[in-house]
């Protein structure tokens, strides 16, 4: 198999804001199959990089993370439907959000006497921006790529896809932690990531004792796609718009929430086959 043979698969949580896709409920185990696949990829990639140890991996070879079931997942899938790349997007309502709700609250920088308050100030400023723009606030995390696909166009697109997703859900302000060790921080800066700032002062890199490496916290604003990548983002967006989204639960009972002005959904349920929902 050549590394350029891949496509995106989007997994959605059961509580979904800003629905803009045709939702496909194929097999009740499809979501679980993809989720387990990306968790196994994480385990392999993070063990190889020394970011986790074997005791953190489940007996079946997965590295699950808190919030997985509440997140969207951009999954890169090869021609045999194996997960070869993944990125997690955990959206929050900025009108009901505090710093204590974020995974960043556990970071070494957040616990630093000097820099902790500055981090909170920077994040709170982005909360205000998200509220002003009626954007979601999103935590980006858990980027992993199969070794075969590292340093390829696919790896690059797996990160740029977050812009396409953000446009489709109506825009967002994002934060993420990035490692210096494997070059992910430098890649994220190339596609528009910037340092968080407090009173004009950029927050520094820090040593993360949990992952045992030097890290930094970056921010993104989905309005500002670097011009050189706008055509790639547009192409990915079209692919996502035309693709099916696998929902977490195969049921008509899960709560879907829609933004004001959107139509209510109409569902057609096929007990032994599939069902779809269009916003």
Foldseek 3Di string as FASTA:
>chain_A
DALVAKAKAKAAALADEQDAAKAKAFDQCPNVVVLQLLQLLLQVQLVVVQQADPVCADPVRGRDDPCPNQWMKIFIAGPVRGTFKIKTKHWDQLVPDAPVVDPCCPFPQCVDPPRVVQVRQLVVVQSVVCVVQVAIEIEMDRTGGHPSNPPHPVSLLNVLLVLLVQVSSPWYKYKYKDFVVVPRVVSVVVFAWDFRGGPRHGDDWDQGPSRGGIMGMTMHTSVDGPPVCVVVSVVSNVSVRPDHHHYNGLDPPRDYDYDPPDDDWDKDDDPPGMIIIHD
